[in-house]
Each structure stands twice: as structure tokens, then as C-alpha cells.
Amino acid sequence: MNTNAKLLTSFIATILFSACSNDNGKADGYGNFEATEITVSAEATGKLLAFDVEEGDRLAEGQVVGYIDTIQLSLKKAQLQASRQKIMASSSSVLSQIGVYREQERTLTVERDRILRLMRDSAATQRQLDDVEGRLSVLQRQIASVRAQNASVLSELESLEAQVAQIEDQIKKSIITNPQAGTVLIKYAEPGEVTAFGKPLYKIGKLDDMILRVYVSETQLPSLTIGKQVDVRIDDAEGMRTLPGTITWISSSAEFTPKVIQTREERVNLVYAVKVHVKHDGALKIGMPGEMWIK
């Protein structure tokens, strides 16, 4: 093969290689790393008697990290329970009285039936029957009155039961339980402080799995699909470090490029947000810049 042929072959090979690679030296997407963050807030009001949380701690889901003073709640619960016992005793007395009336009602019913049989044999008078039925009617009205009284007592008892359950729920929520496994990012409170319902206590992030949110142009969308494997590059002491990534979400609507991305000219372009899932290996931080390279 002569020199010209060799040069032509080398030139063609260079063109083919360039056509199959990203030869402009730019990534296909730029962005920053995110993590699933949760701000844990107090669900009760009172003094933080214990709060074992420090920034950087790794907490397990369901782990108890502190508790809020519950003395006043416990005293109120004891007061409600005493009232409940008193009402239950009153209800028991009412029910006992109804039992006595019921027994009298059965006796009068038997007496009325006996008089009715005697009247068929002309051995009893109408006056005797009217007397028994009159006493039976009065007794039935007394039973109805006592029942109404007991219904009021039971209603009050149900109200107390609901209040006790509410206090128990507040006491339970005074125990600070971590909602998800992760790393404490920010601590907002200290033991001994008085907190209130809804006041932030700490922020926890799920750092085992990080998300790189990048922005791509409309022309890049056809080459992107959910589940597609891409390369993620981050700054390293020796240059750039490559990590495997998986596209987990693609925005369905365009937006203007965030100001933190690239030049002013590029910031006015309409782009689509893309989330790339990256397994955290200890080098990634929230807010850290990253690049997406389509394989």
C-alpha cells in the first residue's frame, strides 16, 4: 500500500471514530446532586428532655432519638381516668336499678296473666286487672326514665374515653421517632429547649442513593429513556471520575435553564429536567455538580 493510500485509510478511520463519539468535549447534561430530604418536626409541645441527634449521625427507621416532657399530659390523663371510674360506678348503679325494675316488671306480668286466666273462669274482677296493669305501666315508665338517664351517663363516658385516647396519642407523639433511615444533615434544636408542635427538630437525608438532576435540550430527548444507563462524571483529584447512573425520570414539560447552568446564552434556552439515579459511594455530596454523558 502506497503512502497516499495509507493516509486516506487513516483519515477515514478518524472520521468514523469521530462520528461514533462525543467529540465536542462537552457533556450531554449538567446539574447538581440531590437527595431525598425530610424535615422532622415536633408533634407535641413541651421541653426537650432528651434529644440524641448530631449532624452526620446515621439513623435507622423507627429509631427513638428523644422525647418531650409529658408530665402535664400524664396528670391530665390520670384526672380523666378518675372521672371515668366515677361515671362507670354511677352507670353501674343505674344498671342495677334497672335490674330491680325489670324483676318487678316480670312479677307484675306474671300477676296480670294469672288474673286474665281467673277472669275467664269468673274468679277475678276487672278492678284487679286494672290495678295490676296500672302498676305495670308506671313501672315501665320508670324503666324508660332510668334508661334515658343511663344513656346520658354512657354518652359522658364515651366522651371521656375519647379524651383519654387523645391524651394517649399526644403522649405517644411526645416520643421523637426517626421516620426514615438516613444521615442527619442539619440539627435545629438542643436538649432542654422548649419546643412546639410543628417546630423543626432536624433534617435527615437518604444519602445511600443520590439523584443527579440535569437539563437536556429537546434534540437530546429521543436518545433518553427511563432506565437507560448513562455515565456520570464528577470532579476528582486526578481530573474526572466516572460513575454508573440510571435515568429514573424525564420531565414532560420544558422550562428555562436554571441560572446555575452554563453561560447566559444557554440559560435562556428551553430545556427538560432529567433525574439520574447514582449509587452513593461516599464521594457524593448534596449540591455537588455533576455531568451526564450518554453512552
C-alpha atoms as a PDB file:
ATOM      1  CA  MET A   1       0.000   0.000   0.000  1.00  0.00           C
ATOM      2  CA  ASN A   2       1.483   3.398  -1.042  1.00  0.00           C
ATOM      3  CA  THR A   3       1.751   6.441   1.192  1.00  0.00           C
ATOM      4  CA  ASN A   4      -1.366   8.159  -0.210  1.00  0.00           C
ATOM      5  CA  ALA A   5      -3.492   5.042   0.385  1.00  0.00           C
ATOM      6  CA  LYS A   6      -2.279   4.799   3.969  1.00  0.00           C
ATOM      7  CA  LEU A   7      -3.119   8.460   4.605  1.00  0.00           C
ATOM      8  CA  LEU A   8      -6.598   8.005   3.093  1.00  0.00           C
ATOM      9  CA  THR A   9      -7.277   4.924   5.250  1.00  0.00           C
ATOM     10  CA  SER A  10      -6.153   6.748   8.392  1.00  0.00           C
ATOM     11  CA  PHE A  11      -8.353   9.746   7.556  1.00  0.00           C
ATOM     12  CA  ILE A  12     -11.451   7.569   7.014  1.00  0.00           C
ATOM     13  CA  ALA A  13     -10.858   5.754  10.301  1.00  0.00           C
ATOM     14  CA  THR A  14     -10.615   9.067  12.107  1.00  0.00           C
ATOM     15  CA  ILE A  15     -13.893  10.262  10.599  1.00  0.00           C
ATOM     16  CA  LEU A  16     -15.717   7.051  11.580  1.00  0.00           C
ATOM     17  CA  PHE A  17     -14.413   7.219  15.143  1.00  0.00           C
ATOM     18  CA  SER A  18     -15.441  10.834  15.464  1.00  0.00           C
ATOM     19  CA  ALA A  19     -18.929  10.053  14.191  1.00  0.00           C
ATOM     20  CA  CYS A  20     -19.419   7.432  16.931  1.00  0.00           C
ATOM     21  CA  SER A  21     -18.239   9.530  19.853  1.00  0.00           C
ATOM     22  CA  ASN A  22     -18.985  12.807  21.579  1.00  0.00           C
ATOM     23  CA  ASP A  23     -16.057  14.718  20.082  1.00  0.00           C
ATOM     24  CA  ASN A  24     -17.107  18.204  21.197  1.00  0.00           C
ATOM     25  CA  GLY A  25     -15.671  17.640  24.666  1.00  0.00           C
ATOM     26  CA  LYS A  26     -18.954  18.614  26.366  1.00  0.00           C
ATOM     27  CA  ALA A  27     -21.229  16.508  28.492  1.00  0.00           C
ATOM     28  CA  ASP A  28     -24.813  15.792  27.438  1.00  0.00           C
ATOM     29  CA  GLY A  29     -26.189  17.295  30.621  1.00  0.00           C
ATOM     30  CA  TYR A  30     -25.063  19.363  33.595  1.00  0.00           C
ATOM     31  CA  GLY A  31     -26.615  19.610  37.031  1.00  0.00           C
ATOM     32  CA  ASN A  32     -26.276  19.059  40.773  1.00  0.00           C
ATOM     33  CA  PHE A  33     -26.784  16.142  43.113  1.00  0.00           C
ATOM     34  CA  GLU A  34     -29.882  15.885  45.282  1.00  0.00           C
ATOM     35  CA  ALA A  35     -31.138  13.522  47.953  1.00  0.00           C
ATOM     36  CA  THR A  36     -34.492  12.695  49.486  1.00  0.00           C
ATOM     37  CA  GLU A  37     -34.669  15.020  52.487  1.00  0.00           C
ATOM     38  CA  ILE A  38     -37.196  15.051  55.325  1.00  0.00           C
ATOM     39  CA  THR A  39     -37.542  17.750  57.962  1.00  0.00           C
ATOM     40  CA  VAL A  40     -38.610  16.085  61.209  1.00  0.00           C
ATOM     41  CA  SER A  41     -40.763  18.391  63.337  1.00  0.00           C
ATOM     42  CA  ALA A  42     -42.108  18.168  66.869  1.00  0.00           C
ATOM     43  CA  GLU A  43     -45.586  16.677  67.219  1.00  0.00           C
ATOM     44  CA  ALA A  44     -46.058  17.908  70.778  1.00  0.00           C
ATOM     45  CA  THR A  45     -45.354  20.995  72.882  1.00  0.00           C
ATOM     46  CA  GLY A  46     -43.002  20.997  75.863  1.00  0.00           C
ATOM     47  CA  LYS A  47     -39.392  20.797  76.970  1.00  0.00           C
ATOM     48  CA  LEU A  48     -36.976  18.505  75.118  1.00  0.00           C
ATOM     49  CA  LEU A  49     -35.909  16.252  77.981  1.00  0.00           C
ATOM     50  CA  ALA A  50     -33.736  14.152  75.661  1.00  0.00           C
ATOM     51  CA  PHE A  51     -32.574  14.628  72.080  1.00  0.00           C
ATOM     52  CA  ASP A  52     -29.763  12.313  70.951  1.00  0.00           C
ATOM     53  CA  VAL A  53     -29.124  13.634  67.443  1.00  0.00           C
ATOM     54  CA  GLU A  54     -25.955  15.058  65.928  1.00  0.00           C
ATOM     55  CA  GLU A  55     -25.206  16.186  62.395  1.00  0.00           C
ATOM     56  CA  GLY A  56     -23.658  13.346  60.434  1.00  0.00           C
ATOM     57  CA  ASP A  57     -25.311  10.608  62.522  1.00  0.00           C
ATOM     58  CA  ARG A  58     -26.785   7.694  60.598  1.00  0.00           C
ATOM     59  CA  LEU A  59     -30.219   6.857  61.979  1.00  0.00           C
ATOM     60  CA  ALA A  60     -32.368   3.799  61.374  1.00  0.00           C
ATOM     61  CA  GLU A  61     -36.049   3.958  60.501  1.00  0.00           C
ATOM     62  CA  GLY A  62     -38.156   3.884  63.656  1.00  0.00           C
ATOM     63  CA  GLN A  63     -35.215   4.738  65.914  1.00  0.00           C
ATOM     64  CA  VAL A  64     -36.171   6.723  69.034  1.00  0.00           C
ATOM     65  CA  VAL A  65     -33.982   9.830  69.205  1.00  0.00           C
ATOM     66  CA  GLY A  66     -35.582  11.764  72.053  1.00  0.00           C
ATOM     67  CA  TYR A  67     -38.735  12.674  73.928  1.00  0.00           C
ATOM     68  CA  ILE A  68     -40.667  15.717  75.076  1.00  0.00           C
ATOM     69  CA  ASP A  69     -41.866  16.337  78.638  1.00  0.00           C
ATOM     70  CA  THR A  70     -45.225  14.593  79.222  1.00  0.00           C
ATOM     71  CA  ILE A  71     -45.848  15.334  82.933  1.00  0.00           C
ATOM     72  CA  GLN A  72     -48.831  17.611  82.317  1.00  0.00           C
ATOM     73  CA  LEU A  73     -50.313  15.137  79.844  1.00  0.00           C
ATOM     74  CA  SER A  74     -49.911  12.284  82.335  1.00  0.00           C
ATOM     75  CA  LEU A  75     -51.603  14.304  85.083  1.00  0.00           C
ATOM     76  CA  LYS A  76     -54.496  15.170  82.786  1.00  0.00           C
ATOM     77  CA  LYS A  77     -54.829  11.526  81.799  1.00  0.00           C
ATOM     78  CA  ALA A  78     -54.965  10.486  85.468  1.00  0.00           C
ATOM     79  CA  GLN A  79     -57.683  13.081  86.102  1.00  0.00           C
ATOM     80  CA  LEU A  80     -59.759  11.828  83.179  1.00  0.00           C
ATOM     81  CA  GLN A  81     -59.348   8.211  84.289  1.00  0.00           C
ATOM     82  CA  ALA A  82     -60.598   9.124  87.782  1.00  0.00           C
ATOM     83  CA  SER A  83     -63.650  10.804  86.245  1.00  0.00           C
ATOM     84  CA  ARG A  84     -64.218   7.742  84.088  1.00  0.00           C
ATOM     85  CA  GLN A  85     -64.171   5.449  87.134  1.00  0.00           C
ATOM     86  CA  LYS A  86     -66.705   7.679  88.877  1.00  0.00           C
ATOM     87  CA  ILE A  87     -69.028   7.668  85.874  1.00  0.00           C
ATOM     88  CA  MET A  88     -68.659   3.907  85.471  1.00  0.00           C
ATOM     89  CA  ALA A  89     -69.668   3.465  89.100  1.00  0.00           C
ATOM     90  CA  SER A  90     -72.687   5.712  88.520  1.00  0.00           C
ATOM     91  CA  SER A  91     -73.614   3.745  85.403  1.00  0.00           C
ATOM     92  CA  SER A  92     -73.287   0.500  87.323  1.00  0.00           C
ATOM     93  CA  SER A  93     -75.715   1.853  89.966  1.00  0.00           C
ATOM     94  CA  VAL A  94     -78.186   2.851  87.258  1.00  0.00           C
ATOM     95  CA  LEU A  95     -77.939  -0.547  85.600  1.00  0.00           C
ATOM     96  CA  SER A  96     -78.508  -2.212  88.980  1.00  0.00           C
ATOM     97  CA  GLN A  97     -81.650  -0.124  89.468  1.00  0.00           C
ATOM     98  CA  ILE A  98     -82.891  -1.132  86.016  1.00  0.00           C
ATOM     99  CA  GLY A  99     -82.336  -4.757  87.011  1.00  0.00           C
ATOM    100  CA  VAL A 100     -84.548  -4.309  90.068  1.00  0.00           C
ATOM    101  CA  TYR A 101     -87.274  -2.684  87.959  1.00  0.00           C
ATOM    102  CA  ARG A 102     -87.044  -5.478  85.393  1.00  0.00           C
ATOM    103  CA  GLU A 103     -87.573  -8.083  88.071  1.00  0.00           C
ATOM    104  CA  GLN A 104     -90.621  -6.200  89.350  1.00  0.00           C
ATOM    105  CA  GLU A 105     -91.921  -5.952  85.784  1.00  0.00           C
ATOM    106  CA  ARG A 106     -91.665  -9.712  85.333  1.00  0.00           C
ATOM    107  CA  THR A 107     -93.534 -10.278  88.624  1.00  0.00           C
ATOM    108  CA  LEU A 108     -96.350  -7.922  87.604  1.00  0.00           C
ATOM    109  CA  THR A 109     -96.555  -9.505  84.154  1.00  0.00           C
ATOM    110  CA  VAL A 110     -96.990 -12.930  85.724  1.00  0.00           C
ATOM    111  CA  GLU A 111     -99.649 -11.500  88.068  1.00  0.00           C
ATOM    112  CA  ARG A 112    -101.525  -9.906  85.121  1.00  0.00           C
ATOM    113  CA  ASP A 113    -101.532 -13.170  83.164  1.00  0.00           C
ATOM    114  CA  ARG A 114    -102.829 -15.045  86.220  1.00  0.00           C
ATOM    115  CA  ILE A 115    -105.697 -12.544  86.678  1.00  0.00           C
ATOM    116  CA  LEU A 116    -106.598 -12.839  82.979  1.00  0.00           C
ATOM    117  CA  ARG A 117    -106.922 -16.622  83.371  1.00  0.00           C
ATOM    118  CA  LEU A 118    -109.022 -16.198  86.502  1.00  0.00           C
ATOM    119  CA  MET A 119    -111.297 -13.710  84.745  1.00  0.00           C
ATOM    120  CA  ARG A 120    -112.055 -16.279  82.058  1.00  0.00           C
ATOM    121  CA  ASP A 121    -113.347 -18.503  84.894  1.00  0.00           C
ATOM    122  CA  SER A 122    -115.096 -15.542  86.550  1.00  0.00           C
ATOM    123  CA  ALA A 123    -112.729 -15.909  89.533  1.00  0.00           C
ATOM    124  CA  ALA A 124    -111.267 -12.368  89.295  1.00  0.00           C
ATOM    125  CA  THR A 125    -112.604  -8.865  88.686  1.00  0.00           C
ATOM    126  CA  GLN A 126    -111.783  -6.144  86.155  1.00  0.00           C
ATOM    127  CA  ARG A 127    -110.713  -3.891  89.001  1.00  0.00           C
ATOM    128  CA  GLN A 128    -107.959  -6.358  89.965  1.00  0.00           C
ATOM    129  CA  LEU A 129    -106.715  -6.406  86.341  1.00  0.00           C
ATOM    130  CA  ASP A 130    -106.801  -2.591  86.071  1.00  0.00           C
ATOM    131  CA  ASP A 131    -104.796  -2.287  89.288  1.00  0.00           C
ATOM    132  CA  VAL A 132    -102.058  -4.636  88.071  1.00  0.00           C
ATOM    133  CA  GLU A 133    -101.870  -3.050  84.618  1.00  0.00           C
ATOM    134  CA  GLY A 134    -101.666   0.413  86.206  1.00  0.00           C
ATOM    135  CA  ARG A 135     -98.707  -0.588  88.360  1.00  0.00           C
ATOM    136  CA  LEU A 136     -97.074  -2.249  85.345  1.00  0.00           C
ATOM    137  CA  SER A 137     -97.487   0.901  83.257  1.00  0.00           C
ATOM    138  CA  VAL A 138     -95.916   3.083  85.967  1.00  0.00           C
ATOM    139  CA  LEU A 139     -93.010   0.666  86.292  1.00  0.00           C
ATOM    140  CA  GLN A 140     -92.387   0.676  82.548  1.00  0.00           C
ATOM    141  CA  ARG A 141     -92.254   4.480  82.555  1.00  0.00           C
ATOM    142  CA  GLN A 142     -89.746   4.346  85.402  1.00  0.00           C
ATOM    143  CA  ILE A 143     -87.594   1.907  83.420  1.00  0.00           C
ATOM    144  CA  ALA A 144     -87.688   4.229  80.384  1.00  0.00           C
ATOM    145  CA  SER A 145     -86.676   7.190  82.572  1.00  0.00           C
ATOM    146  CA  VAL A 146     -83.757   5.301  84.107  1.00  0.00           C
ATOM    147  CA  ARG A 147     -82.670   4.137  80.653  1.00  0.00           C
ATOM    148  CA  ALA A 148     -82.586   7.747  79.427  1.00  0.00           C
ATOM    149  CA  GLN A 149     -80.569   8.693  82.481  1.00  0.00           C
ATOM    150  CA  ASN A 150     -78.131   5.862  81.796  1.00  0.00           C
ATOM    151  CA  ALA A 151     -77.838   6.891  78.126  1.00  0.00           C
ATOM    152  CA  SER A 152     -76.671  10.330  79.282  1.00  0.00           C
ATOM    153  CA  VAL A 153     -74.146   8.696  81.607  1.00  0.00           C
ATOM    154  CA  LEU A 154     -72.872   6.433  78.818  1.00  0.00           C
ATOM    155  CA  SER A 155     -72.580   9.416  76.462  1.00  0.00           C
ATOM    156  CA  GLU A 156     -70.457  11.236  79.032  1.00  0.00           C
ATOM    157  CA  LEU A 157     -68.394   8.080  79.476  1.00  0.00           C
ATOM    158  CA  GLU A 158     -67.775   7.856  75.717  1.00  0.00           C
ATOM    159  CA  SER A 159     -66.646  11.484  75.714  1.00  0.00           C
ATOM    160  CA  LEU A 160     -64.143  10.760  78.493  1.00  0.00           C
ATOM    161  CA  GLU A 161     -62.909   7.673  76.652  1.00  0.00           C
ATOM    162  CA  ALA A 162     -62.243   9.813  73.570  1.00  0.00           C
ATOM    163  CA  GLN A 163     -60.355  12.394  75.668  1.00  0.00           C
ATOM    164  CA  VAL A 164     -58.212   9.673  77.256  1.00  0.00           C
ATOM    165  CA  ALA A 165     -57.400   8.266  73.804  1.00  0.00           C
ATOM    166  CA  GLN A 166     -56.444  11.763  72.627  1.00  0.00           C
ATOM    167  CA  ILE A 167     -54.106  12.249  75.602  1.00  0.00           C
ATOM    168  CA  GLU A 168     -52.526   8.830  74.988  1.00  0.00           C
ATOM    169  CA  ASP A 169     -51.931   9.790  71.349  1.00  0.00           C
ATOM    170  CA  GLN A 170     -50.264  13.049  72.451  1.00  0.00           C
ATOM    171  CA  ILE A 171     -48.053  11.139  74.886  1.00  0.00           C
ATOM    172  CA  LYS A 172     -47.089   8.730  72.103  1.00  0.00           C
ATOM    173  CA  LYS A 173     -46.214  11.633  69.797  1.00  0.00           C
ATOM    174  CA  SER A 174     -44.020  13.115  72.530  1.00  0.00           C
ATOM    175  CA  ILE A 175     -41.594  10.295  71.758  1.00  0.00           C
ATOM    176  CA  ILE A 176     -39.474  11.505  68.810  1.00  0.00           C
ATOM    177  CA  THR A 177     -39.124   8.665  66.319  1.00  0.00           C
ATOM    178  CA  ASN A 178     -36.993   8.876  63.187  1.00  0.00           C
ATOM    179  CA  PRO A 179     -39.243   8.397  60.102  1.00  0.00           C
ATOM    180  CA  GLN A 180     -36.690   7.073  57.584  1.00  0.00           C
ATOM    181  CA  ALA A 181     -33.190   5.652  57.503  1.00  0.00           C
ATOM    182  CA  GLY A 182     -30.590   8.210  56.544  1.00  0.00           C
ATOM    183  CA  THR A 183     -27.974  10.726  57.649  1.00  0.00           C
ATOM    184  CA  VAL A 184     -28.688  13.777  59.799  1.00  0.00           C
ATOM    185  CA  LEU A 185     -27.974  16.848  57.667  1.00  0.00           C
ATOM    186  CA  ILE A 186     -28.997  19.722  59.963  1.00  0.00           C
ATOM    187  CA  LYS A 187     -29.875  19.882  63.661  1.00  0.00           C
ATOM    188  CA  TYR A 188     -32.269  22.649  64.696  1.00  0.00           C
ATOM    189  CA  ALA A 189     -32.825  22.037  68.427  1.00  0.00           C
ATOM    190  CA  GLU A 190     -30.934  21.110  71.588  1.00  0.00           C
ATOM    191  CA  PRO A 191     -31.931  19.200  74.755  1.00  0.00           C
ATOM    192  CA  GLY A 192     -33.515  21.471  77.339  1.00  0.00           C
ATOM    193  CA  GLU A 193     -35.150  23.778  74.800  1.00  0.00           C
ATOM    194  CA  VAL A 194     -38.907  24.274  74.806  1.00  0.00           C
ATOM    195  CA  THR A 195     -40.358  23.152  71.507  1.00  0.00           C
ATOM    196  CA  ALA A 196     -43.825  23.459  70.000  1.00  0.00           C
ATOM    197  CA  PHE A 197     -45.988  21.476  67.620  1.00  0.00           C
ATOM    198  CA  GLY A 198     -44.624  21.786  64.079  1.00  0.00           C
ATOM    199  CA  LYS A 199     -41.255  23.228  65.095  1.00  0.00           C
ATOM    200  CA  PRO A 200     -38.383  21.645  63.072  1.00  0.00           C
ATOM    201  CA  LEU A 201     -36.029  19.460  65.088  1.00  0.00           C
ATOM    202  CA  TYR A 202     -33.653  18.102  62.443  1.00  0.00           C
ATOM    203  CA  LYS A 203     -33.347  17.326  58.757  1.00  0.00           C
ATOM    204  CA  ILE A 204     -32.439  13.836  57.543  1.00  0.00           C
ATOM    205  CA  GLY A 205     -31.390  12.812  54.062  1.00  0.00           C
ATOM    206  CA  LYS A 206     -31.299   9.458  52.322  1.00  0.00           C
ATOM    207  CA  LEU A 207     -27.715   9.582  51.040  1.00  0.00           C
ATOM    208  CA  ASP A 208     -27.304   5.933  50.027  1.00  0.00           C
ATOM    209  CA  ASP A 209     -28.966   6.774  46.733  1.00  0.00           C
ATOM    210  CA  MET A 210     -28.258  10.163  45.179  1.00  0.00           C
ATOM    211  CA  ILE A 211     -30.053  11.880  42.319  1.00  0.00           C
ATOM    212  CA  LEU A 212     -28.268  13.981  39.699  1.00  0.00           C
ATOM    213  CA  ARG A 213     -30.747  16.460  38.233  1.00  0.00           C
ATOM    214  CA  VAL A 214     -29.509  17.550  34.813  1.00  0.00           C
ATOM    215  CA  TYR A 215     -31.037  19.552  31.962  1.00  0.00           C
ATOM    216  CA  VAL A 216     -31.033  18.491  28.328  1.00  0.00           C
ATOM    217  CA  SER A 217     -32.236  20.076  25.114  1.00  0.00           C
ATOM    218  CA  GLU A 218     -35.215  18.911  23.063  1.00  0.00           C
ATOM    219  CA  THR A 219     -32.914  17.384  20.445  1.00  0.00           C
ATOM    220  CA  GLN A 220     -31.420  15.066  23.091  1.00  0.00           C
ATOM    221  CA  LEU A 221     -34.787  13.664  24.271  1.00  0.00           C
ATOM    222  CA  PRO A 222     -35.071  10.924  21.600  1.00  0.00           C
ATOM    223  CA  SER A 223     -31.880   9.316  22.925  1.00  0.00           C
ATOM    224  CA  LEU A 224     -33.102   9.290  26.529  1.00  0.00           C
ATOM    225  CA  THR A 225     -35.481   6.725  28.055  1.00  0.00           C
ATOM    226  CA  ILE A 226     -36.422   5.695  31.581  1.00  0.00           C
ATOM    227  CA  GLY A 227     -33.998   3.004  32.744  1.00  0.00           C
ATOM    228  CA  LYS A 228     -31.251   3.975  30.273  1.00  0.00           C
ATOM    229  CA  GLN A 229     -27.724   3.528  31.579  1.00  0.00           C
ATOM    230  CA  VAL A 230     -25.505   6.631  31.411  1.00  0.00           C
ATOM    231  CA  ASP A 231     -22.137   7.749  32.700  1.00  0.00           C
ATOM    232  CA  VAL A 232     -21.990  10.311  35.498  1.00  0.00           C
ATOM    233  CA  ARG A 233     -18.784  12.259  35.919  1.00  0.00           C
ATOM    234  CA  ILE A 234     -17.690  14.260  38.930  1.00  0.00           C
ATOM    235  CA  ASP A 235     -14.579  16.279  39.745  1.00  0.00           C
ATOM    236  CA  ASP A 236     -11.757  14.246  41.202  1.00  0.00           C
ATOM    237  CA  ALA A 237      -8.249  15.000  42.428  1.00  0.00           C
ATOM    238  CA  GLU A 238      -6.876  13.411  39.271  1.00  0.00           C
ATOM    239  CA  GLY A 239      -9.374  15.010  36.882  1.00  0.00           C
ATOM    240  CA  MET A 240     -12.804  13.472  36.341  1.00  0.00           C
ATOM    241  CA  ARG A 241     -14.244  10.371  37.923  1.00  0.00           C
ATOM    242  CA  THR A 242     -16.911   8.273  36.182  1.00  0.00           C
ATOM    243  CA  LEU A 243     -19.800   6.564  37.996  1.00  0.00           C
ATOM    244  CA  PRO A 244     -22.648   4.457  36.581  1.00  0.00           C
ATOM    245  CA  GLY A 245     -26.059   6.078  36.520  1.00  0.00           C
ATOM    246  CA  THR A 246     -29.632   5.201  35.569  1.00  0.00           C
ATOM    247  CA  ILE A 247     -32.256   7.614  34.257  1.00  0.00           C
ATOM    248  CA  THR A 248     -35.301   7.389  36.541  1.00  0.00           C
ATOM    249  CA  TRP A 249     -37.381  10.396  35.453  1.00  0.00           C
ATOM    250  CA  ILE A 250     -37.747  12.735  32.489  1.00  0.00           C
ATOM    251  CA  SER A 251     -39.785  15.925  32.727  1.00  0.00           C
ATOM    252  CA  SER A 252     -42.851  16.090  30.494  1.00  0.00           C
ATOM    253  CA  SER A 253     -42.660  19.868  30.134  1.00  0.00           C
ATOM    254  CA  ALA A 254     -39.920  22.305  29.190  1.00  0.00           C
ATOM    255  CA  GLU A 255     -38.515  25.024  31.415  1.00  0.00           C
ATOM    256  CA  PHE A 256     -35.893  27.730  31.189  1.00  0.00           C
ATOM    257  CA  THR A 257     -32.404  26.549  32.062  1.00  0.00           C
ATOM    258  CA  PRO A 258     -31.576  27.343  35.719  1.00  0.00           C
ATOM    259  CA  LYS A 259     -29.166  30.243  36.177  1.00  0.00           C
ATOM    260  CA  VAL A 260     -26.527  27.986  37.699  1.00  0.00           C
ATOM    261  CA  ILE A 261     -26.133  26.155  34.389  1.00  0.00           C
ATOM    262  CA  GLN A 262     -23.621  27.298  31.799  1.00  0.00           C
ATOM    263  CA  THR A 263     -23.497  30.687  30.077  1.00  0.00           C
ATOM    264  CA  ARG A 264     -26.134  33.443  29.858  1.00  0.00           C
ATOM    265  CA  GLU A 265     -26.938  32.425  26.286  1.00  0.00           C
ATOM    266  CA  GLU A 266     -27.602  28.837  27.323  1.00  0.00           C
ATOM    267  CA  ARG A 267     -29.706  29.901  30.305  1.00  0.00           C
ATOM    268  CA  VAL A 268     -32.435  31.369  28.122  1.00  0.00           C
ATOM    269  CA  ASN A 269     -32.947  28.101  26.243  1.00  0.00           C
ATOM    270  CA  LEU A 270     -35.858  25.804  26.969  1.00  0.00           C
ATOM    271  CA  VAL A 271     -34.672  22.503  28.404  1.00  0.00           C
ATOM    272  CA  TYR A 272     -36.062  19.367  30.040  1.00  0.00           C
ATOM    273  CA  ALA A 273     -35.105  18.176  33.525  1.00  0.00           C
ATOM    274  CA  VAL A 274     -33.818  14.626  33.890  1.00  0.00           C
ATOM    275  CA  LYS A 275     -33.128  12.680  37.089  1.00  0.00           C
ATOM    276  CA  VAL A 276     -30.253  10.210  37.112  1.00  0.00           C
ATOM    277  CA  HIS A 277     -30.019   7.718  39.965  1.00  0.00           C
ATOM    278  CA  VAL A 278     -26.449   7.199  41.226  1.00  0.00           C
ATOM    279  CA  LYS A 279     -25.347   4.781  43.940  1.00  0.00           C
ATOM    280  CA  HIS A 280     -23.570   6.735  46.643  1.00  0.00           C
ATOM    281  CA  ASP A 281     -20.037   5.590  47.307  1.00  0.00           C
ATOM    282  CA  GLY A 282     -19.085   8.233  49.879  1.00  0.00           C
ATOM    283  CA  ALA A 283     -17.735  10.826  47.456  1.00  0.00           C
ATOM    284  CA  LEU A 284     -21.046  12.465  46.550  1.00  0.00           C
ATOM    285  CA  LYS A 285     -22.473  15.457  48.400  1.00  0.00           C
ATOM    286  CA  ILE A 286     -25.769  17.309  48.145  1.00  0.00           C
ATOM    287  CA  GLY A 287     -25.397  20.263  45.792  1.00  0.00           C
ATOM    288  CA  MET A 288     -22.224  18.859  44.235  1.00  0.00           C
ATOM    289  CA  PRO A 289     -22.024  19.484  40.459  1.00  0.00           C
ATOM    290  CA  GLY A 290     -22.054  16.566  38.057  1.00  0.00           C
ATOM    291  CA  GLU A 291     -22.200  15.737  34.365  1.00  0.00           C
ATOM    292  CA  MET A 292     -24.230  13.196  32.423  1.00  0.00           C
ATOM    293  CA  TRP A 293     -22.678  11.512  29.414  1.00  0.00           C
ATOM    294  CA  ILE A 294     -24.894   9.408  27.181  1.00  0.00           C
ATOM    295  CA  LYS A 295     -23.254   6.128  26.333  1.00  0.00           C
END
